[in-house]
Amino acid sequence: MLDEAKKKMCAEVGQRVWQYRKEAGLTKEALAEQMDITSQYLNDIEQGKKCMSMAYFIRLGQIFHISLDTLAWGELPEDPAADQMLRRLRKMSPEDRQMAVHMILSAARAVEAMGTEK
């Protein structure tokens, strides 16, 4: 039997799996197929009835393009824009990502310079 802290953790992670699955527009069946598990097992994970192995946890991070910290603990509410940007960058090819980072840093420097002119 799971202790209370583990039950709570499994329920919270399961809720995030459900949330990211919905955001990705995936059915339980489609996500289960990508993970090579049954849709019933995925249902149990989402409902917090089961905790998944590290291999499935890592696979979900890859599928959803999120960090394992985000999957484990949730997004930090104080910086959702940064998390959104990271998700987008992770989906890009290394070359496109490098160009995007260069553009973002250039834009950040320009914004900072504008702020010091006041």
PDB file of N, CA and C in Angstrom:
ATOM      1  N   MET A   1       0.846  -1.193   0.000  1.00  0.00           N
ATOM      2  CA  MET A   1       0.000   0.000   0.000  1.00  0.00           C
ATOM      3  C   MET A   1       0.882   1.244   0.000  1.00  0.00           C
ATOM      4  N   LEU A   2       0.503   2.231  -0.798  1.00  0.00           N
ATOM      5  CA  LEU A   2       1.266   3.456  -0.884  1.00  0.00           C
ATOM      6  C   LEU A   2       1.061   4.301   0.367  1.00  0.00           C
ATOM      7  N   ASP A   3       2.160   4.909   0.845  1.00  0.00           N
ATOM      8  CA  ASP A   3       1.975   5.818   1.975  1.00  0.00           C
ATOM      9  C   ASP A   3       1.340   7.114   1.459  1.00  0.00           C
ATOM     10  N   GLU A   4       0.865   7.949   2.358  1.00  0.00           N
ATOM     11  CA  GLU A   4       0.096   9.143   1.976  1.00  0.00           C
ATOM     12  C   GLU A   4       0.898  10.113   1.109  1.00  0.00           C
ATOM     13  N   ALA A   5       2.172  10.333   1.419  1.00  0.00           N
ATOM     14  CA  ALA A   5       2.992  11.255   0.624  1.00  0.00           C
ATOM     15  C   ALA A   5       3.157  10.736  -0.803  1.00  0.00           C
ATOM     16  N   LYS A   6       3.370   9.451  -0.942  1.00  0.00           N
ATOM     17  CA  LYS A   6       3.535   8.860  -2.271  1.00  0.00           C
ATOM     18  C   LYS A   6       2.214   8.914  -3.045  1.00  0.00           C
ATOM     19  N   LYS A   7       1.102   8.660  -2.366  1.00  0.00           N
ATOM     20  CA  LYS A   7      -0.204   8.754  -3.014  1.00  0.00           C
ATOM     21  C   LYS A   7      -0.446  10.160  -3.548  1.00  0.00           C
ATOM     22  N   LYS A   8      -0.116  11.145  -2.718  1.00  0.00           N
ATOM     23  CA  LYS A   8      -0.306  12.540  -3.120  1.00  0.00           C
ATOM     24  C   LYS A   8       0.565  12.873  -4.321  1.00  0.00           C
ATOM     25  N   MET A   9       1.820  12.456  -4.291  1.00  0.00           N
ATOM     26  CA  MET A   9       2.744  12.717  -5.382  1.00  0.00           C
ATOM     27  C   MET A   9       2.238  12.065  -6.677  1.00  0.00           C
ATOM     28  N   CYS A  10       1.814  10.822  -6.610  1.00  0.00           N
ATOM     29  CA  CYS A  10       1.312  10.119  -7.790  1.00  0.00           C
ATOM     30  C   CYS A  10       0.075  10.814  -8.353  1.00  0.00           C
ATOM     31  N   ALA A  11      -0.800  11.279  -7.474  1.00  0.00           N
ATOM     32  CA  ALA A  11      -2.010  11.983  -7.918  1.00  0.00           C
ATOM     33  C   ALA A  11      -1.650  13.302  -8.605  1.00  0.00           C
ATOM     34  N   GLU A  12      -0.694  14.040  -8.055  1.00  0.00           N
ATOM     35  CA  GLU A  12      -0.292  15.321  -8.644  1.00  0.00           C
ATOM     36  C   GLU A  12       0.381  15.118 -10.002  1.00  0.00           C
ATOM     37  N   VAL A  13       1.262  14.138 -10.092  1.00  0.00           N
ATOM     38  CA  VAL A  13       1.923  13.854 -11.370  1.00  0.00           C
ATOM     39  C   VAL A  13       0.892  13.363 -12.380  1.00  0.00           C
ATOM     40  N   GLY A  14      -0.011  12.512 -11.946  1.00  0.00           N
ATOM     41  CA  GLY A  14      -1.063  12.022 -12.833  1.00  0.00           C
ATOM     42  C   GLY A  14      -1.919  13.151 -13.384  1.00  0.00           C
ATOM     43  N   GLN A  15      -2.222  14.118 -12.550  1.00  0.00           N
ATOM     44  CA  GLN A  15      -2.991  15.291 -12.992  1.00  0.00           C
ATOM     45  C   GLN A  15      -2.220  16.069 -14.059  1.00  0.00           C
ATOM     46  N   ARG A  16      -0.901  16.205 -13.869  1.00  0.00           N
ATOM     47  CA  ARG A  16      -0.090  16.907 -14.867  1.00  0.00           C
ATOM     48  C   ARG A  16      -0.015  16.113 -16.174  1.00  0.00           C
ATOM     49  N   VAL A  17       0.077  14.797 -16.083  1.00  0.00           N
ATOM     50  CA  VAL A  17       0.088  13.967 -17.294  1.00  0.00           C
ATOM     51  C   VAL A  17      -1.215  14.194 -18.054  1.00  0.00           C
ATOM     52  N   TRP A  18      -2.331  14.171 -17.357  1.00  0.00           N
ATOM     53  CA  TRP A  18      -3.633  14.422 -17.984  1.00  0.00           C
ATOM     54  C   TRP A  18      -3.654  15.794 -18.643  1.00  0.00           C
ATOM     55  N   GLN A  19      -3.186  16.813 -17.907  1.00  0.00           N
ATOM     56  CA  GLN A  19      -3.175  18.192 -18.412  1.00  0.00           C
ATOM     57  C   GLN A  19      -2.335  18.313 -19.684  1.00  0.00           C
ATOM     58  N   TYR A  20      -1.121  17.777 -19.666  1.00  0.00           N
ATOM     59  CA  TYR A  20      -0.252  17.876 -20.841  1.00  0.00           C
ATOM     60  C   TYR A  20      -0.783  17.044 -21.999  1.00  0.00           C
ATOM     61  N   ARG A  21      -1.406  15.927 -21.706  1.00  0.00           N
ATOM     62  CA  ARG A  21      -2.002  15.115 -22.767  1.00  0.00           C
ATOM     63  C   ARG A  21      -3.106  15.894 -23.456  1.00  0.00           C
ATOM     64  N   LYS A  22      -3.962  16.546 -22.664  1.00  0.00           N
ATOM     65  CA  LYS A  22      -5.050  17.346 -23.223  1.00  0.00           C
ATOM     66  C   LYS A  22      -4.498  18.508 -24.036  1.00  0.00           C
ATOM     67  N   GLU A  23      -3.485  19.211 -23.497  1.00  0.00           N
ATOM     68  CA  GLU A  23      -2.876  20.334 -24.209  1.00  0.00           C
ATOM     69  C   GLU A  23      -2.270  19.884 -25.536  1.00  0.00           C
ATOM     70  N   ALA A  24      -1.743  18.670 -25.566  1.00  0.00           N
ATOM     71  CA  ALA A  24      -1.137  18.134 -26.792  1.00  0.00           C
ATOM     72  C   ALA A  24      -2.188  17.602 -27.760  1.00  0.00           C
ATOM     73  N   GLY A  25      -3.449  17.542 -27.320  1.00  0.00           N
ATOM     74  CA  GLY A  25      -4.517  17.053 -28.179  1.00  0.00           C
ATOM     75  C   GLY A  25      -4.456  15.550 -28.417  1.00  0.00           C
ATOM     76  N   LEU A  26      -3.920  14.820 -27.445  1.00  0.00           N
ATOM     77  CA  LEU A  26      -3.782  13.373 -27.578  1.00  0.00           C
ATOM     78  C   LEU A  26      -4.881  12.646 -26.810  1.00  0.00           C
ATOM     79  N   THR A  27      -5.375  11.582 -27.385  1.00  0.00           N
ATOM     80  CA  THR A  27      -6.287  10.709 -26.657  1.00  0.00           C
ATOM     81  C   THR A  27      -5.447   9.814 -25.737  1.00  0.00           C
ATOM     82  N   LYS A  28      -6.109   9.166 -24.804  1.00  0.00           N
ATOM     83  CA  LYS A  28      -5.400   8.212 -23.946  1.00  0.00           C
ATOM     84  C   LYS A  28      -4.778   7.111 -24.795  1.00  0.00           C
ATOM     85  N   GLU A  29      -5.527   6.670 -25.765  1.00  0.00           N
ATOM     86  CA  GLU A  29      -5.049   5.577 -26.616  1.00  0.00           C
ATOM     87  C   GLU A  29      -3.804   5.985 -27.399  1.00  0.00           C
ATOM     88  N   ALA A  30      -3.810   7.217 -27.943  1.00  0.00           N
ATOM     89  CA  ALA A  30      -2.671   7.681 -28.736  1.00  0.00           C
ATOM     90  C   ALA A  30      -1.421   7.846 -27.868  1.00  0.00           C
ATOM     91  N   LEU A  31      -1.590   8.419 -26.679  1.00  0.00           N
ATOM     92  CA  LEU A  31      -0.435   8.585 -25.792  1.00  0.00           C
ATOM     93  C   LEU A  31       0.057   7.227 -25.301  1.00  0.00           C
ATOM     94  N   ALA A  32      -0.854   6.358 -24.943  1.00  0.00           N
ATOM     95  CA  ALA A  32      -0.462   5.019 -24.478  1.00  0.00           C
ATOM     96  C   ALA A  32       0.333   4.289 -25.559  1.00  0.00           C
ATOM     97  N   GLU A  33      -0.087   4.447 -26.805  1.00  0.00           N
ATOM     98  CA  GLU A  33       0.627   3.805 -27.909  1.00  0.00           C
ATOM     99  C   GLU A  33       2.053   4.359 -28.026  1.00  0.00           C
ATOM    100  N   GLN A  34       2.198   5.682 -27.904  1.00  0.00           N
ATOM    101  CA  GLN A  34       3.526   6.289 -27.967  1.00  0.00           C
ATOM    102  C   GLN A  34       4.427   5.813 -26.829  1.00  0.00           C
ATOM    103  N   MET A  35       3.818   5.518 -25.686  1.00  0.00           N
ATOM    104  CA  MET A  35       4.581   5.075 -24.519  1.00  0.00           C
ATOM    105  C   MET A  35       4.759   3.556 -24.482  1.00  0.00           C
ATOM    106  N   ASP A  36       4.043   2.854 -25.363  1.00  0.00           N
ATOM    107  CA  ASP A  36       4.052   1.390 -25.401  1.00  0.00           C
ATOM    108  C   ASP A  36       3.514   0.791 -24.095  1.00  0.00           C
ATOM    109  N   ILE A  37       2.369   1.362 -23.656  1.00  0.00           N
ATOM    110  CA  ILE A  37       1.657   0.853 -22.482  1.00  0.00           C
ATOM    111  C   ILE A  37       0.179   0.738 -22.858  1.00  0.00           C
ATOM    112  N   THR A  38      -0.606   0.139 -21.986  1.00  0.00           N
ATOM    113  CA  THR A  38      -2.042   0.049 -22.250  1.00  0.00           C
ATOM    114  C   THR A  38      -2.718   1.360 -21.861  1.00  0.00           C
ATOM    115  N   SER A  39      -3.853   1.624 -22.479  1.00  0.00           N
ATOM    116  CA  SER A  39      -4.597   2.831 -22.121  1.00  0.00           C
ATOM    117  C   SER A  39      -5.131   2.721 -20.695  1.00  0.00           C
ATOM    118  N   GLN A  40      -5.386   1.515 -20.217  1.00  0.00           N
ATOM    119  CA  GLN A  40      -5.828   1.337 -18.827  1.00  0.00           C
ATOM    120  C   GLN A  40      -4.720   1.725 -17.848  1.00  0.00           C
ATOM    121  N   TYR A  41      -3.483   1.345 -18.165  1.00  0.00           N
ATOM    122  CA  TYR A  41      -2.352   1.724 -17.304  1.00  0.00           C
ATOM    123  C   TYR A  41      -2.185   3.235 -17.296  1.00  0.00           C
ATOM    124  N   LEU A  42      -2.308   3.870 -18.476  1.00  0.00           N
ATOM    125  CA  LEU A  42      -2.225   5.330 -18.541  1.00  0.00           C
ATOM    126  C   LEU A  42      -3.359   5.952 -17.736  1.00  0.00           C
ATOM    127  N   ASN A  43      -4.551   5.397 -17.834  1.00  0.00           N
ATOM    128  CA  ASN A  43      -5.686   5.880 -17.053  1.00  0.00           C
ATOM    129  C   ASN A  43      -5.369   5.810 -15.560  1.00  0.00           C
ATOM    130  N   ASP A  44      -4.792   4.707 -15.110  1.00  0.00           N
ATOM    131  CA  ASP A  44      -4.429   4.561 -13.692  1.00  0.00           C
ATOM    132  C   ASP A  44      -3.381   5.586 -13.272  1.00  0.00           C
ATOM    133  N   ILE A  45      -2.435   5.893 -14.166  1.00  0.00           N
ATOM    134  CA  ILE A  45      -1.421   6.913 -13.873  1.00  0.00           C
ATOM    135  C   ILE A  45      -2.101   8.273 -13.729  1.00  0.00           C
ATOM    136  N   GLU A  46      -2.941   8.624 -14.705  1.00  0.00           N
ATOM    137  CA  GLU A  46      -3.605   9.930 -14.674  1.00  0.00           C
ATOM    138  C   GLU A  46      -4.505  10.094 -13.453  1.00  0.00           C
ATOM    139  N   GLN A  47      -5.093   9.014 -12.988  1.00  0.00           N
ATOM    140  CA  GLN A  47      -5.960   9.088 -11.815  1.00  0.00           C
ATOM    141  C   GLN A  47      -5.191   8.963 -10.502  1.00  0.00           C
ATOM    142  N   GLY A  48      -3.875   8.797 -10.594  1.00  0.00           N
ATOM    143  CA  GLY A  48      -3.055   8.688  -9.389  1.00  0.00           C
ATOM    144  C   GLY A  48      -3.137   7.336  -8.713  1.00  0.00           C
ATOM    145  N   LYS A  49      -3.700   6.355  -9.392  1.00  0.00           N
ATOM    146  CA  LYS A  49      -3.808   5.020  -8.813  1.00  0.00           C
ATOM    147  C   LYS A  49      -2.491   4.258  -8.899  1.00  0.00           C
ATOM    148  N   LYS A  50      -1.666   4.633  -9.886  1.00  0.00           N
ATOM    149  CA  LYS A  50      -0.369   3.969 -10.073  1.00  0.00           C
ATOM    150  C   LYS A  50       0.702   5.016 -10.294  1.00  0.00           C
ATOM    151  N   CYS A  51       1.890   4.703  -9.829  1.00  0.00           N
ATOM    152  CA  CYS A  51       3.058   5.521 -10.119  1.00  0.00           C
ATOM    153  C   CYS A  51       3.816   4.840 -11.251  1.00  0.00           C
ATOM    154  N   MET A  52       4.346   5.644 -12.146  1.00  0.00           N
ATOM    155  CA  MET A  52       5.034   5.063 -13.299  1.00  0.00           C
ATOM    156  C   MET A  52       6.513   4.884 -13.026  1.00  0.00           C
ATOM    157  N   SER A  53       7.140   4.053 -13.826  1.00  0.00           N
ATOM    158  CA  SER A  53       8.582   3.848 -13.719  1.00  0.00           C
ATOM    159  C   SER A  53       9.308   5.070 -14.273  1.00  0.00           C
ATOM    160  N   MET A  54      10.581   5.174 -13.962  1.00  0.00           N
ATOM    161  CA  MET A  54      11.401   6.279 -14.446  1.00  0.00           C
ATOM    162  C   MET A  54      11.455   6.278 -15.978  1.00  0.00           C
ATOM    163  N   ALA A  55      11.479   5.112 -16.601  1.00  0.00           N
ATOM    164  CA  ALA A  55      11.531   5.040 -18.063  1.00  0.00           C
ATOM    165  C   ALA A  55      10.298   5.705 -18.679  1.00  0.00           C
ATOM    166  N   TYR A  56       9.112   5.472 -18.124  1.00  0.00           N
ATOM    167  CA  TYR A  56       7.897   6.095 -18.647  1.00  0.00           C
ATOM    168  C   TYR A  56       7.893   7.592 -18.333  1.00  0.00           C
ATOM    169  N   PHE A  57       8.391   7.948 -17.186  1.00  0.00           N
ATOM    170  CA  PHE A  57       8.468   9.349 -16.775  1.00  0.00           C
ATOM    171  C   PHE A  57       9.330  10.128 -17.767  1.00  0.00           C
ATOM    172  N   ILE A  58      10.485   9.572 -18.105  1.00  0.00           N
ATOM    173  CA  ILE A  58      11.391  10.209 -19.064  1.00  0.00           C
ATOM    174  C   ILE A  58      10.728  10.285 -20.436  1.00  0.00           C
ATOM    175  N   ARG A  59      10.070   9.220 -20.840  1.00  0.00           N
ATOM    176  CA  ARG A  59       9.403   9.198 -22.142  1.00  0.00           C
ATOM    177  C   ARG A  59       8.335  10.281 -22.226  1.00  0.00           C
ATOM    178  N   LEU A  60       7.590  10.497 -21.153  1.00  0.00           N
ATOM    179  CA  LEU A  60       6.576  11.552 -21.155  1.00  0.00           C
ATOM    180  C   LEU A  60       7.210  12.927 -21.314  1.00  0.00           C
ATOM    181  N   GLY A  61       8.340  13.153 -20.657  1.00  0.00           N
ATOM    182  CA  GLY A  61       9.047  14.421 -20.825  1.00  0.00           C
ATOM    183  C   GLY A  61       9.416  14.654 -22.275  1.00  0.00           C
ATOM    184  N   GLN A  62       9.861  13.594 -22.945  1.00  0.00           N
ATOM    185  CA  GLN A  62      10.218  13.696 -24.363  1.00  0.00           C
ATOM    186  C   GLN A  62       8.988  13.955 -25.225  1.00  0.00           C
ATOM    187  N   ILE A  63       7.924  13.245 -24.973  1.00  0.00           N
ATOM    188  CA  ILE A  63       6.702  13.393 -25.774  1.00  0.00           C
ATOM    189  C   ILE A  63       6.128  14.794 -25.636  1.00  0.00           C
ATOM    190  N   PHE A  64       6.083  15.305 -24.411  1.00  0.00           N
ATOM    191  CA  PHE A  64       5.478  16.612 -24.156  1.00  0.00           C
ATOM    192  C   PHE A  64       6.465  17.771 -24.315  1.00  0.00           C
ATOM    193  N   HIS A  65       7.743  17.459 -24.524  1.00  0.00           N
ATOM    194  CA  HIS A  65       8.788  18.486 -24.652  1.00  0.00           C
ATOM    195  C   HIS A  65       8.849  19.363 -23.398  1.00  0.00           C
ATOM    196  N   ILE A  66       8.866  18.686 -22.253  1.00  0.00           N
ATOM    197  CA  ILE A  66       8.970  19.402 -20.982  1.00  0.00           C
ATOM    198  C   ILE A  66      10.086  18.777 -20.161  1.00  0.00           C
ATOM    199  N   SER A  67      10.590  19.547 -19.210  1.00  0.00           N
ATOM    200  CA  SER A  67      11.618  19.012 -18.328  1.00  0.00           C
ATOM    201  C   SER A  67      10.993  18.042 -17.336  1.00  0.00           C
ATOM    202  N   LEU A  68      11.814  17.172 -16.806  1.00  0.00           N
ATOM    203  CA  LEU A  68      11.311  16.235 -15.798  1.00  0.00           C
ATOM    204  C   LEU A  68      10.925  16.975 -14.526  1.00  0.00           C
ATOM    205  N   ASP A  69      11.613  18.079 -14.223  1.00  0.00           N
ATOM    206  CA  ASP A  69      11.220  18.909 -13.083  1.00  0.00           C
ATOM    207  C   ASP A  69       9.792  19.417 -13.252  1.00  0.00           C
ATOM    208  N   THR A  70       9.478  19.881 -14.450  1.00  0.00           N
ATOM    209  CA  THR A  70       8.132  20.397 -14.714  1.00  0.00           C
ATOM    210  C   THR A  70       7.100  19.288 -14.566  1.00  0.00           C
ATOM    211  N   LEU A  71       7.416  18.113 -15.076  1.00  0.00           N
ATOM    212  CA  LEU A  71       6.484  16.994 -14.949  1.00  0.00           C
ATOM    213  C   LEU A  71       6.323  16.582 -13.487  1.00  0.00           C
ATOM    214  N   ALA A  72       7.415  16.594 -12.744  1.00  0.00           N
ATOM    215  CA  ALA A  72       7.364  16.175 -11.333  1.00  0.00           C
ATOM    216  C   ALA A  72       6.707  17.217 -10.438  1.00  0.00           C
ATOM    217  N   TRP A  73       7.073  18.478 -10.600  1.00  0.00           N
ATOM    218  CA  TRP A  73       6.662  19.510  -9.645  1.00  0.00           C
ATOM    219  C   TRP A  73       5.692  20.532 -10.217  1.00  0.00           C
ATOM    220  N   GLY A  74       5.502  20.530 -11.521  1.00  0.00           N
ATOM    221  CA  GLY A  74       4.617  21.500 -12.155  1.00  0.00           C
ATOM    222  C   GLY A  74       5.387  22.728 -12.597  1.00  0.00           C
ATOM    223  N   GLU A  75       4.726  23.530 -13.388  1.00  0.00           N
ATOM    224  CA  GLU A  75       5.346  24.754 -13.868  1.00  0.00           C
ATOM    225  C   GLU A  75       5.409  25.762 -12.743  1.00  0.00           C
ATOM    226  N   LEU A  76       6.459  26.537 -12.748  1.00  0.00           N
ATOM    227  CA  LEU A  76       6.582  27.598 -11.761  1.00  0.00           C
ATOM    228  C   LEU A  76       5.694  28.761 -12.200  1.00  0.00           C
ATOM    229  N   PRO A  77       4.695  29.103 -11.420  1.00  0.00           N
ATOM    230  CA  PRO A  77       3.736  30.113 -11.852  1.00  0.00           C
ATOM    231  C   PRO A  77       4.343  31.494 -12.056  1.00  0.00           C
ATOM    232  N   GLU A  78       5.475  31.757 -11.453  1.00  0.00           N
ATOM    233  CA  GLU A  78       6.045  33.093 -11.581  1.00  0.00           C
ATOM    234  C   GLU A  78       6.728  33.339 -12.924  1.00  0.00           C
ATOM    235  N   ASP A  79       6.902  32.313 -13.762  1.00  0.00           N
ATOM    236  CA  ASP A  79       7.571  32.533 -15.037  1.00  0.00           C
ATOM    237  C   ASP A  79       7.033  31.620 -16.148  1.00  0.00           C
ATOM    238  N   PRO A  80       5.735  31.684 -16.449  1.00  0.00           N
ATOM    239  CA  PRO A  80       5.186  30.819 -17.484  1.00  0.00           C
ATOM    240  C   PRO A  80       5.713  31.159 -18.883  1.00  0.00           C
ATOM    241  N   ALA A  81       6.086  32.414 -19.123  1.00  0.00           N
ATOM    242  CA  ALA A  81       6.596  32.797 -20.442  1.00  0.00           C
ATOM    243  C   ALA A  81       7.913  32.084 -20.737  1.00  0.00           C
ATOM    244  N   ALA A  82       8.770  31.979 -19.732  1.00  0.00           N
ATOM    245  CA  ALA A  82      10.053  31.300 -19.926  1.00  0.00           C
ATOM    246  C   ALA A  82       9.830  29.818 -20.217  1.00  0.00           C
ATOM    247  N   ASP A  83       8.896  29.199 -19.521  1.00  0.00           N
ATOM    248  CA  ASP A  83       8.624  27.784 -19.758  1.00  0.00           C
ATOM    249  C   ASP A  83       8.053  27.572 -21.162  1.00  0.00           C
ATOM    250  N   GLN A  84       7.175  28.465 -21.586  1.00  0.00           N
ATOM    251  CA  GLN A  84       6.605  28.378 -22.928  1.00  0.00           C
ATOM    252  C   GLN A  84       7.715  28.519 -23.969  1.00  0.00           C
ATOM    253  N   MET A  85       8.628  29.439 -23.744  1.00  0.00           N
ATOM    254  CA  MET A  85       9.726  29.635 -24.673  1.00  0.00           C
ATOM    255  C   MET A  85      10.629  28.403 -24.713  1.00  0.00           C
ATOM    256  N   LEU A  86      10.919  27.824 -23.558  1.00  0.00           N
ATOM    257  CA  LEU A  86      11.746  26.626 -23.523  1.00  0.00           C
ATOM    258  C   LEU A  86      11.097  25.464 -24.262  1.00  0.00           C
ATOM    259  N   ARG A  87       9.811  25.292 -24.089  1.00  0.00           N
ATOM    260  CA  ARG A  87       9.102  24.220 -24.800  1.00  0.00           C
ATOM    261  C   ARG A  87       9.248  24.394 -26.306  1.00  0.00           C
ATOM    262  N   ARG A  88       9.063  25.628 -26.745  1.00  0.00           N
ATOM    263  CA  ARG A  88       9.154  25.910 -28.180  1.00  0.00           C
ATOM    264  C   ARG A  88      10.570  25.667 -28.688  1.00  0.00           C
ATOM    265  N   LEU A  89      11.571  26.110 -27.932  1.00  0.00           N
ATOM    266  CA  LEU A  89      12.966  25.926 -28.337  1.00  0.00           C
ATOM    267  C   LEU A  89      13.336  24.450 -28.417  1.00  0.00           C
ATOM    268  N   ARG A  90      12.827  23.646 -27.486  1.00  0.00           N
ATOM    269  CA  ARG A  90      13.158  22.216 -27.474  1.00  0.00           C
ATOM    270  C   ARG A  90      12.631  21.486 -28.705  1.00  0.00           C
ATOM    271  N   LYS A  91      11.593  22.023 -29.320  1.00  0.00           N
ATOM    272  CA  LYS A  91      11.011  21.396 -30.508  1.00  0.00           C
ATOM    273  C   LYS A  91      11.813  21.713 -31.780  1.00  0.00           C
ATOM    274  N   MET A  92      12.695  22.696 -31.714  1.00  0.00           N
ATOM    275  CA  MET A  92      13.435  23.148 -32.893  1.00  0.00           C
ATOM    276  C   MET A  92      14.670  22.293 -33.152  1.00  0.00           C
ATOM    277  N   SER A  93      15.126  22.341 -34.383  1.00  0.00           N
ATOM    278  CA  SER A  93      16.400  21.702 -34.719  1.00  0.00           C
ATOM    279  C   SER A  93      17.511  22.469 -34.002  1.00  0.00           C
ATOM    280  N   PRO A  94      18.672  21.850 -33.790  1.00  0.00           N
ATOM    281  CA  PRO A  94      19.769  22.559 -33.115  1.00  0.00           C
ATOM    282  C   PRO A  94      20.157  23.865 -33.818  1.00  0.00           C
ATOM    283  N   GLU A  95      20.143  23.871 -35.139  1.00  0.00           N
ATOM    284  CA  GLU A  95      20.503  25.083 -35.881  1.00  0.00           C
ATOM    285  C   GLU A  95      19.476  26.185 -35.664  1.00  0.00           C
ATOM    286  N   ASP A  96      18.184  25.840 -35.776  1.00  0.00           N
ATOM    287  CA  ASP A  96      17.127  26.831 -35.560  1.00  0.00           C
ATOM    288  C   ASP A  96      17.124  27.313 -34.116  1.00  0.00           C
ATOM    289  N   ARG A  97      17.380  26.394 -33.185  1.00  0.00           N
ATOM    290  CA  ARG A  97      17.418  26.767 -31.766  1.00  0.00           C
ATOM    291  C   ARG A  97      18.528  27.772 -31.508  1.00  0.00           C
ATOM    292  N   GLN A  98      19.702  27.536 -32.087  1.00  0.00           N
ATOM    293  CA  GLN A  98      20.826  28.447 -31.903  1.00  0.00           C
ATOM    294  C   GLN A  98      20.491  29.838 -32.455  1.00  0.00           C
ATOM    295  N   MET A  99      19.866  29.883 -33.627  1.00  0.00           N
ATOM    296  CA  MET A  99      19.483  31.161 -34.219  1.00  0.00           C
ATOM    297  C   MET A  99      18.437  31.861 -33.348  1.00  0.00           C
ATOM    298  N   ALA A 100      17.449  31.109 -32.853  1.00  0.00           N
ATOM    299  CA  ALA A 100      16.403  31.690 -32.011  1.00  0.00           C
ATOM    300  C   ALA A 100      16.985  32.232 -30.711  1.00  0.00           C
ATOM    301  N   VAL A 101      17.890  31.496 -30.102  1.00  0.00           N
ATOM    302  CA  VAL A 101      18.522  31.967 -28.857  1.00  0.00           C
ATOM    303  C   VAL A 101      19.290  33.256 -29.121  1.00  0.00           C
ATOM    304  N   HIS A 102      20.012  33.307 -30.221  1.00  0.00           N
ATOM    305  CA  HIS A 102      20.751  34.533 -30.578  1.00  0.00           C
ATOM    306  C   HIS A 102      19.780  35.707 -30.707  1.00  0.00           C
ATOM    307  N   MET A 103      18.651  35.487 -31.388  1.00  0.00           N
ATOM    308  CA  MET A 103      17.664  36.553 -31.576  1.00  0.00           C
ATOM    309  C   MET A 103      17.050  36.984 -30.242  1.00  0.00           C
ATOM    310  N   ILE A 104      16.741  36.022 -29.391  1.00  0.00           N
ATOM    311  CA  ILE A 104      16.139  36.334 -28.089  1.00  0.00           C
ATOM    312  C   ILE A 104      17.113  37.141 -27.234  1.00  0.00           C
ATOM    313  N   LEU A 105      18.372  36.711 -27.202  1.00  0.00           N
ATOM    314  CA  LEU A 105      19.368  37.440 -26.409  1.00  0.00           C
ATOM    315  C   LEU A 105      19.587  38.844 -26.952  1.00  0.00           C
ATOM    316  N   SER A 106      19.589  39.000 -28.267  1.00  0.00           N
ATOM    317  CA  SER A 106      19.720  40.333 -28.867  1.00  0.00           C
ATOM    318  C   SER A 106      18.536  41.209 -28.481  1.00  0.00           C
ATOM    319  N   ALA A 107      17.340  40.635 -28.551  1.00  0.00           N
ATOM    320  CA  ALA A 107      16.146  41.393 -28.171  1.00  0.00           C
ATOM    321  C   ALA A 107      16.181  41.759 -26.689  1.00  0.00           C
ATOM    322  N   ALA A 108      16.624  40.835 -25.842  1.00  0.00           N
ATOM    323  CA  ALA A 108      16.713  41.112 -24.400  1.00  0.00           C
ATOM    324  C   ALA A 108      17.694  42.248 -24.124  1.00  0.00           C
ATOM    325  N   ARG A 109      18.833  42.249 -24.810  1.00  0.00           N
ATOM    326  CA  ARG A 109      19.822  43.331 -24.627  1.00  0.00           C
ATOM    327  C   ARG A 109      19.221  44.661 -25.063  1.00  0.00           C
ATOM    328  N   ALA A 110      18.457  44.669 -26.168  1.00  0.00           N
ATOM    329  CA  ALA A 110      17.831  45.900 -26.648  1.00  0.00           C
ATOM    330  C   ALA A 110      16.801  46.418 -25.640  1.00  0.00           C
ATOM    331  N   VAL A 111      16.015  45.522 -25.086  1.00  0.00           N
ATOM    332  CA  VAL A 111      15.013  45.915 -24.091  1.00  0.00           C
ATOM    333  C   VAL A 111      15.702  46.470 -22.844  1.00  0.00           C
ATOM    334  N   GLU A 112      16.763  45.798 -22.396  1.00  0.00           N
ATOM    335  CA  GLU A 112      17.496  46.281 -21.232  1.00  0.00           C
ATOM    336  C   GLU A 112      18.098  47.656 -21.487  1.00  0.00           C
ATOM    337  N   ALA A 113      18.635  47.868 -22.676  1.00  0.00           N
ATOM    338  CA  ALA A 113      19.219  49.169 -23.023  1.00  0.00           C
ATOM    339  C   ALA A 113      18.145  50.255 -23.038  1.00  0.00           C
ATOM    340  N   MET A 114      16.961  49.930 -23.531  1.00  0.00           N
ATOM    341  CA  MET A 114      15.861  50.908 -23.550  1.00  0.00           C
ATOM    342  C   MET A 114      15.468  51.280 -22.137  1.00  0.00           C
ATOM    343  N   GLY A 115      15.509  50.313 -21.231  1.00  0.00           N
ATOM    344  CA  GLY A 115      15.140  50.566 -19.844  1.00  0.00           C
ATOM    345  C   GLY A 115      16.116  51.477 -19.131  1.00  0.00           C
ATOM    346  N   THR A 116      17.384  51.455 -19.521  1.00  0.00           N
ATOM    347  CA  THR A 116      18.378  52.302 -18.841  1.00  0.00           C
ATOM    348  C   THR A 116      18.385  53.723 -19.386  1.00  0.00           C
ATOM    349  N   GLU A 117      17.690  53.968 -20.516  1.00  0.00           N
ATOM    350  CA  GLU A 117      17.640  55.319 -21.095  1.00  0.00           C
ATOM    351  C   GLU A 117      16.617  56.200 -20.422  1.00  0.00           C
ATOM    352  N   LYS A 118      15.758  55.651 -19.587  1.00  0.00           N
ATOM    353  CA  LYS A 118      14.673  56.426 -18.948  1.00  0.00           C
ATOM    354  C   LYS A 118      15.210  57.442 -17.984  1.00  0.00           C
TER     355      LYS A 118
END
